Amino acid sequence: MTEIMRVTEIQAKFESEWVLIDDPETDESLEVKGGKVLWHSKDRDEVYRKATGKLEIMPLCGRIVPELEGYGFREVIYRNYRIVYRLTDDDTIEILAVVHGAREIKKVFHEEWELG
């Protein structure tokens, strides 16, 4: 599964399944428009394990969160969610938040984390 697929193709091929998309193509509101399906399963937890397992092997695979660039937070996209994390001084991955893509992430972090 290395081909880039549009979201409509993914939904048709993996109906009623959870999918893990690598290097997702998103629009300006971070809705996923397509990408490479790395893993799929009817079991959500299995896909979550795959997503976090990738971070264990390649902790820098996530991109820097553009809206919070100065903080060094990284993210991976899972479906319509942004999994925001950071690497601690001892290279531990710390998941900071799982935020729906429709939410304004800067506002979430400023309100809930009191970032200045």
N, C-alpha and C. Protein backbone atom coordinates (compact mmCIF):
# COMPACT_ATOMS: atom_id res chain seq x y z
N MET A 1 0.83 -1.19 0.00
CA MET A 1 0.00 0.00 0.00
C MET A 1 0.87 1.25 0.00
N THR A 2 1.54 1.49 -1.09
CA THR A 2 2.41 2.65 -1.16
C THR A 2 1.87 3.73 -2.09
N GLU A 3 0.76 3.48 -2.72
CA GLU A 3 0.20 4.47 -3.63
C GLU A 3 -0.53 5.57 -2.87
N ILE A 4 -0.48 6.76 -3.41
CA ILE A 4 -1.22 7.87 -2.83
C ILE A 4 -2.67 7.76 -3.30
N MET A 5 -3.58 7.80 -2.33
CA MET A 5 -5.00 7.67 -2.63
C MET A 5 -5.73 8.92 -2.17
N ARG A 6 -6.80 9.26 -2.85
CA ARG A 6 -7.69 10.35 -2.43
C ARG A 6 -8.54 9.82 -1.28
N VAL A 7 -9.06 10.71 -0.47
CA VAL A 7 -9.84 10.30 0.69
C VAL A 7 -11.09 9.51 0.27
N THR A 8 -11.68 9.84 -0.85
CA THR A 8 -12.86 9.09 -1.31
C THR A 8 -12.49 7.65 -1.67
N GLU A 9 -11.31 7.46 -2.25
CA GLU A 9 -10.84 6.11 -2.56
C GLU A 9 -10.56 5.32 -1.28
N ILE A 10 -9.96 5.99 -0.31
CA ILE A 10 -9.67 5.34 0.98
C ILE A 10 -10.96 4.91 1.65
N GLN A 11 -11.94 5.81 1.67
CA GLN A 11 -13.22 5.49 2.31
C GLN A 11 -13.91 4.33 1.61
N ALA A 12 -13.84 4.27 0.28
CA ALA A 12 -14.49 3.19 -0.47
C ALA A 12 -13.77 1.85 -0.25
N LYS A 13 -12.46 1.88 -0.26
CA LYS A 13 -11.68 0.64 -0.15
C LYS A 13 -11.67 0.10 1.28
N PHE A 14 -11.67 0.99 2.27
CA PHE A 14 -11.54 0.57 3.67
C PHE A 14 -12.78 0.97 4.46
N GLU A 15 -13.95 0.77 3.87
CA GLU A 15 -15.21 1.14 4.52
C GLU A 15 -15.32 0.47 5.88
N SER A 16 -15.74 1.23 6.86
CA SER A 16 -15.93 0.75 8.24
C SER A 16 -14.62 0.31 8.90
N GLU A 17 -13.49 0.83 8.42
CA GLU A 17 -12.20 0.51 9.02
C GLU A 17 -11.50 1.80 9.43
N TRP A 18 -10.62 1.66 10.38
CA TRP A 18 -9.73 2.74 10.78
C TRP A 18 -8.50 2.64 9.89
N VAL A 19 -7.94 3.78 9.51
CA VAL A 19 -6.75 3.76 8.67
C VAL A 19 -5.67 4.68 9.25
N LEU A 20 -4.44 4.30 9.01
CA LEU A 20 -3.28 5.11 9.37
C LEU A 20 -2.70 5.62 8.07
N ILE A 21 -2.68 6.94 7.91
CA ILE A 21 -2.23 7.56 6.67
C ILE A 21 -0.88 8.22 6.89
N ASP A 22 0.07 7.88 6.04
CA ASP A 22 1.39 8.48 6.09
C ASP A 22 1.42 9.71 5.19
N ASP A 23 2.08 10.74 5.66
CA ASP A 23 2.26 11.96 4.88
C ASP A 23 0.95 12.44 4.28
N PRO A 24 -0.06 12.71 5.11
CA PRO A 24 -1.38 13.06 4.57
C PRO A 24 -1.37 14.41 3.86
N GLU A 25 -2.12 14.47 2.80
CA GLU A 25 -2.37 15.74 2.12
C GLU A 25 -3.59 16.36 2.80
N THR A 26 -3.46 17.61 3.23
CA THR A 26 -4.57 18.27 3.92
C THR A 26 -4.88 19.59 3.24
N ASP A 27 -6.10 20.08 3.49
CA ASP A 27 -6.45 21.41 3.01
C ASP A 27 -6.12 22.42 4.10
N GLU A 28 -6.49 23.67 3.90
CA GLU A 28 -6.15 24.73 4.86
C GLU A 28 -6.79 24.54 6.23
N SER A 29 -7.88 23.78 6.31
CA SER A 29 -8.51 23.51 7.61
C SER A 29 -8.06 22.16 8.18
N LEU A 30 -7.03 21.59 7.57
CA LEU A 30 -6.42 20.32 7.97
C LEU A 30 -7.32 19.11 7.83
N GLU A 31 -8.31 19.21 6.94
CA GLU A 31 -9.09 18.03 6.58
C GLU A 31 -8.21 17.18 5.68
N VAL A 32 -8.16 15.89 5.94
CA VAL A 32 -7.34 15.00 5.13
C VAL A 32 -7.97 14.85 3.75
N LYS A 33 -7.17 15.05 2.72
CA LYS A 33 -7.63 14.93 1.34
C LYS A 33 -7.09 13.68 0.66
N GLY A 34 -6.01 13.13 1.22
CA GLY A 34 -5.43 11.93 0.64
C GLY A 34 -4.12 11.59 1.32
N GLY A 35 -3.51 10.51 0.86
CA GLY A 35 -2.23 10.08 1.39
C GLY A 35 -2.01 8.60 1.17
N LYS A 36 -0.94 8.08 1.75
CA LYS A 36 -0.59 6.67 1.64
C LYS A 36 -1.13 5.92 2.86
N VAL A 37 -1.90 4.88 2.63
CA VAL A 37 -2.43 4.09 3.74
C VAL A 37 -1.33 3.13 4.20
N LEU A 38 -0.90 3.30 5.45
CA LEU A 38 0.14 2.43 6.01
C LEU A 38 -0.47 1.21 6.68
N TRP A 39 -1.64 1.38 7.27
CA TRP A 39 -2.26 0.29 8.03
C TRP A 39 -3.76 0.52 8.08
N HIS A 40 -4.50 -0.56 8.11
CA HIS A 40 -5.95 -0.44 8.25
C HIS A 40 -6.46 -1.62 9.06
N SER A 41 -7.52 -1.40 9.80
CA SER A 41 -8.09 -2.45 10.63
C SER A 41 -9.47 -2.00 11.11
N LYS A 42 -10.32 -2.96 11.41
CA LYS A 42 -11.60 -2.65 12.04
C LYS A 42 -11.40 -2.33 13.52
N ASP A 43 -10.25 -2.72 14.05
CA ASP A 43 -9.92 -2.50 15.46
C ASP A 43 -9.17 -1.18 15.61
N ARG A 44 -9.84 -0.17 16.17
CA ARG A 44 -9.24 1.15 16.34
C ARG A 44 -7.94 1.08 17.16
N ASP A 45 -7.95 0.30 18.22
CA ASP A 45 -6.78 0.23 19.08
C ASP A 45 -5.56 -0.34 18.36
N GLU A 46 -5.79 -1.26 17.45
CA GLU A 46 -4.70 -1.82 16.66
C GLU A 46 -4.04 -0.72 15.81
N VAL A 47 -4.87 0.13 15.23
CA VAL A 47 -4.33 1.23 14.41
C VAL A 47 -3.61 2.25 15.29
N TYR A 48 -4.16 2.54 16.48
CA TYR A 48 -3.47 3.44 17.42
C TYR A 48 -2.09 2.88 17.79
N ARG A 49 -2.04 1.57 18.03
CA ARG A 49 -0.74 0.95 18.37
C ARG A 49 0.25 1.12 17.22
N LYS A 50 -0.22 0.96 16.01
CA LYS A 50 0.65 1.14 14.85
C LYS A 50 1.12 2.59 14.75
N ALA A 51 0.21 3.53 14.99
CA ALA A 51 0.56 4.96 14.89
C ALA A 51 1.60 5.33 15.94
N THR A 52 1.42 4.89 17.17
CA THR A 52 2.39 5.24 18.20
C THR A 52 3.65 4.41 18.07
N GLY A 53 3.55 3.23 17.52
CA GLY A 53 4.73 2.41 17.28
C GLY A 53 5.68 3.08 16.29
N LYS A 54 5.12 3.74 15.30
CA LYS A 54 5.93 4.47 14.33
C LYS A 54 6.71 5.58 15.02
N LEU A 55 6.08 6.23 15.99
CA LEU A 55 6.76 7.29 16.73
C LEU A 55 7.92 6.74 17.54
N GLU A 56 7.75 5.54 18.09
CA GLU A 56 8.83 4.93 18.87
C GLU A 56 10.05 4.69 18.00
N ILE A 57 9.84 4.27 16.78
CA ILE A 57 10.94 3.97 15.86
C ILE A 57 11.51 5.24 15.23
N MET A 58 10.61 6.15 14.84
CA MET A 58 11.02 7.38 14.16
C MET A 58 10.37 8.58 14.84
N PRO A 59 10.88 9.00 15.99
CA PRO A 59 10.22 10.07 16.75
C PRO A 59 10.16 11.42 16.03
N LEU A 60 10.99 11.61 15.04
CA LEU A 60 10.97 12.88 14.29
C LEU A 60 10.12 12.80 13.03
N CYS A 61 9.33 11.71 12.89
CA CYS A 61 8.53 11.55 11.67
C CYS A 61 7.40 12.58 11.58
N GLY A 62 6.95 13.07 12.71
CA GLY A 62 5.89 14.08 12.70
C GLY A 62 6.44 15.43 12.31
N ARG A 63 5.58 16.25 11.74
CA ARG A 63 6.01 17.59 11.36
C ARG A 63 5.90 18.53 12.56
N ILE A 64 6.64 19.64 12.51
CA ILE A 64 6.50 20.69 13.51
C ILE A 64 5.10 21.28 13.36
N VAL A 65 4.40 21.49 14.46
CA VAL A 65 3.06 22.09 14.39
C VAL A 65 3.22 23.53 13.92
N PRO A 66 2.75 23.87 12.72
CA PRO A 66 2.99 25.20 12.16
C PRO A 66 2.49 26.34 13.03
N GLU A 67 1.32 26.17 13.66
CA GLU A 67 0.75 27.24 14.48
C GLU A 67 1.50 27.43 15.79
N LEU A 68 2.29 26.44 16.18
CA LEU A 68 3.01 26.49 17.46
C LEU A 68 4.50 26.24 17.25
N GLU A 69 5.00 26.75 16.15
CA GLU A 69 6.37 26.47 15.71
C GLU A 69 7.42 26.77 16.78
N GLY A 70 7.26 27.83 17.52
CA GLY A 70 8.26 28.24 18.49
C GLY A 70 8.39 27.33 19.70
N TYR A 71 7.45 26.39 19.86
CA TYR A 71 7.46 25.52 21.04
C TYR A 71 8.11 24.16 20.79
N GLY A 72 8.39 23.84 19.54
CA GLY A 72 9.01 22.56 19.22
C GLY A 72 8.06 21.37 19.28
N PHE A 73 6.75 21.63 19.28
CA PHE A 73 5.78 20.54 19.29
C PHE A 73 5.72 19.92 17.89
N ARG A 74 5.54 18.63 17.85
CA ARG A 74 5.41 17.91 16.58
C ARG A 74 4.02 17.29 16.54
N GLU A 75 3.61 16.85 15.35
CA GLU A 75 2.30 16.21 15.23
C GLU A 75 2.30 15.16 14.14
N VAL A 76 1.44 14.19 14.34
CA VAL A 76 1.09 13.25 13.28
C VAL A 76 -0.41 13.35 13.12
N ILE A 77 -0.87 13.16 11.91
CA ILE A 77 -2.29 13.25 11.61
C ILE A 77 -2.86 11.84 11.60
N TYR A 78 -3.94 11.65 12.31
CA TYR A 78 -4.64 10.37 12.32
C TYR A 78 -6.11 10.67 12.06
N ARG A 79 -6.58 10.25 10.89
CA ARG A 79 -7.92 10.58 10.42
C ARG A 79 -8.12 12.09 10.49
N ASN A 80 -9.09 12.57 11.22
CA ASN A 80 -9.31 14.01 11.34
C ASN A 80 -8.70 14.58 12.62
N TYR A 81 -7.77 13.85 13.20
CA TYR A 81 -7.18 14.27 14.47
C TYR A 81 -5.70 14.56 14.32
N ARG A 82 -5.26 15.52 15.10
CA ARG A 82 -3.86 15.89 15.17
C ARG A 82 -3.34 15.40 16.51
N ILE A 83 -2.40 14.46 16.48
CA ILE A 83 -1.79 13.95 17.70
C ILE A 83 -0.53 14.77 17.92
N VAL A 84 -0.57 15.63 18.93
CA VAL A 84 0.52 16.57 19.19
C VAL A 84 1.41 15.98 20.29
N TYR A 85 2.72 16.00 20.03
CA TYR A 85 3.66 15.43 21.00
C TYR A 85 4.94 16.25 21.02
N ARG A 86 5.78 15.93 21.99
CA ARG A 86 7.12 16.53 22.03
C ARG A 86 8.09 15.48 22.54
N LEU A 87 9.33 15.72 22.23
CA LEU A 87 10.40 14.86 22.75
C LEU A 87 10.98 15.54 23.97
N THR A 88 11.10 14.79 25.05
CA THR A 88 11.67 15.35 26.27
C THR A 88 13.20 15.27 26.18
N ASP A 89 13.87 15.81 27.17
CA ASP A 89 15.33 15.82 27.19
C ASP A 89 15.94 14.42 27.14
N ASP A 90 15.22 13.44 27.68
CA ASP A 90 15.74 12.07 27.64
C ASP A 90 15.16 11.27 26.47
N ASP A 91 14.68 11.97 25.43
CA ASP A 91 14.14 11.38 24.20
C ASP A 91 12.88 10.55 24.42
N THR A 92 12.15 10.83 25.47
CA THR A 92 10.84 10.21 25.69
C THR A 92 9.82 10.97 24.86
N ILE A 93 8.88 10.24 24.27
CA ILE A 93 7.79 10.87 23.52
C ILE A 93 6.67 11.17 24.50
N GLU A 94 6.28 12.42 24.57
CA GLU A 94 5.20 12.83 25.46
C GLU A 94 4.04 13.32 24.60
N ILE A 95 2.93 12.57 24.62
CA ILE A 95 1.74 12.97 23.88
C ILE A 95 1.09 14.11 24.67
N LEU A 96 0.94 15.25 24.01
CA LEU A 96 0.39 16.44 24.67
C LEU A 96 -1.12 16.57 24.49
N ALA A 97 -1.59 16.22 23.30
CA ALA A 97 -3.02 16.39 23.03
C ALA A 97 -3.39 15.63 21.76
N VAL A 98 -4.64 15.26 21.69
CA VAL A 98 -5.25 14.74 20.47
C VAL A 98 -6.38 15.71 20.18
N VAL A 99 -6.24 16.47 19.09
CA VAL A 99 -7.14 17.57 18.79
C VAL A 99 -7.82 17.34 17.45
N HIS A 100 -9.13 17.48 17.42
CA HIS A 100 -9.85 17.36 16.14
C HIS A 100 -9.38 18.47 15.21
N GLY A 101 -9.20 18.13 13.96
CA GLY A 101 -8.70 19.07 12.97
C GLY A 101 -9.57 20.30 12.77
N ALA A 102 -10.85 20.22 13.13
CA ALA A 102 -11.75 21.37 12.98
C ALA A 102 -11.51 22.42 14.06
N ARG A 103 -10.87 22.02 15.15
CA ARG A 103 -10.61 22.97 16.24
C ARG A 103 -9.38 23.81 15.92
N GLU A 104 -9.36 25.01 16.38
CA GLU A 104 -8.23 25.90 16.19
C GLU A 104 -7.16 25.54 17.22
N ILE A 105 -6.12 24.89 16.76
CA ILE A 105 -5.14 24.31 17.68
C ILE A 105 -4.41 25.36 18.51
N LYS A 106 -4.15 26.50 17.92
CA LYS A 106 -3.47 27.56 18.67
C LYS A 106 -4.33 28.01 19.85
N LYS A 107 -5.63 28.13 19.60
CA LYS A 107 -6.56 28.54 20.66
C LYS A 107 -6.63 27.47 21.74
N VAL A 108 -6.67 26.20 21.35
CA VAL A 108 -6.72 25.10 22.31
C VAL A 108 -5.51 25.16 23.24
N PHE A 109 -4.33 25.32 22.66
CA PHE A 109 -3.13 25.34 23.48
C PHE A 109 -3.01 26.61 24.32
N HIS A 110 -3.44 27.72 23.79
CA HIS A 110 -3.37 28.96 24.56
C HIS A 110 -4.36 28.95 25.72
N GLU A 111 -5.55 28.38 25.51
CA GLU A 111 -6.55 28.33 26.57
C GLU A 111 -6.26 27.23 27.60
N GLU A 112 -5.97 26.04 27.10
CA GLU A 112 -5.81 24.89 27.99
C GLU A 112 -4.41 24.77 28.55
N TRP A 113 -3.41 25.27 27.82
CA TRP A 113 -2.03 25.16 28.28
C TRP A 113 -1.47 26.49 28.74
N GLU A 114 -2.26 27.55 28.54
CA GLU A 114 -1.85 28.90 28.92
C GLU A 114 -0.49 29.29 28.32
N LEU A 115 -0.34 28.95 27.04
CA LEU A 115 0.87 29.36 26.33
C LEU A 115 0.79 30.85 26.03
N GLY A 116 1.89 31.53 26.14
CA GLY A 116 1.89 32.97 25.90
C GLY A 116 2.23 33.35 24.51
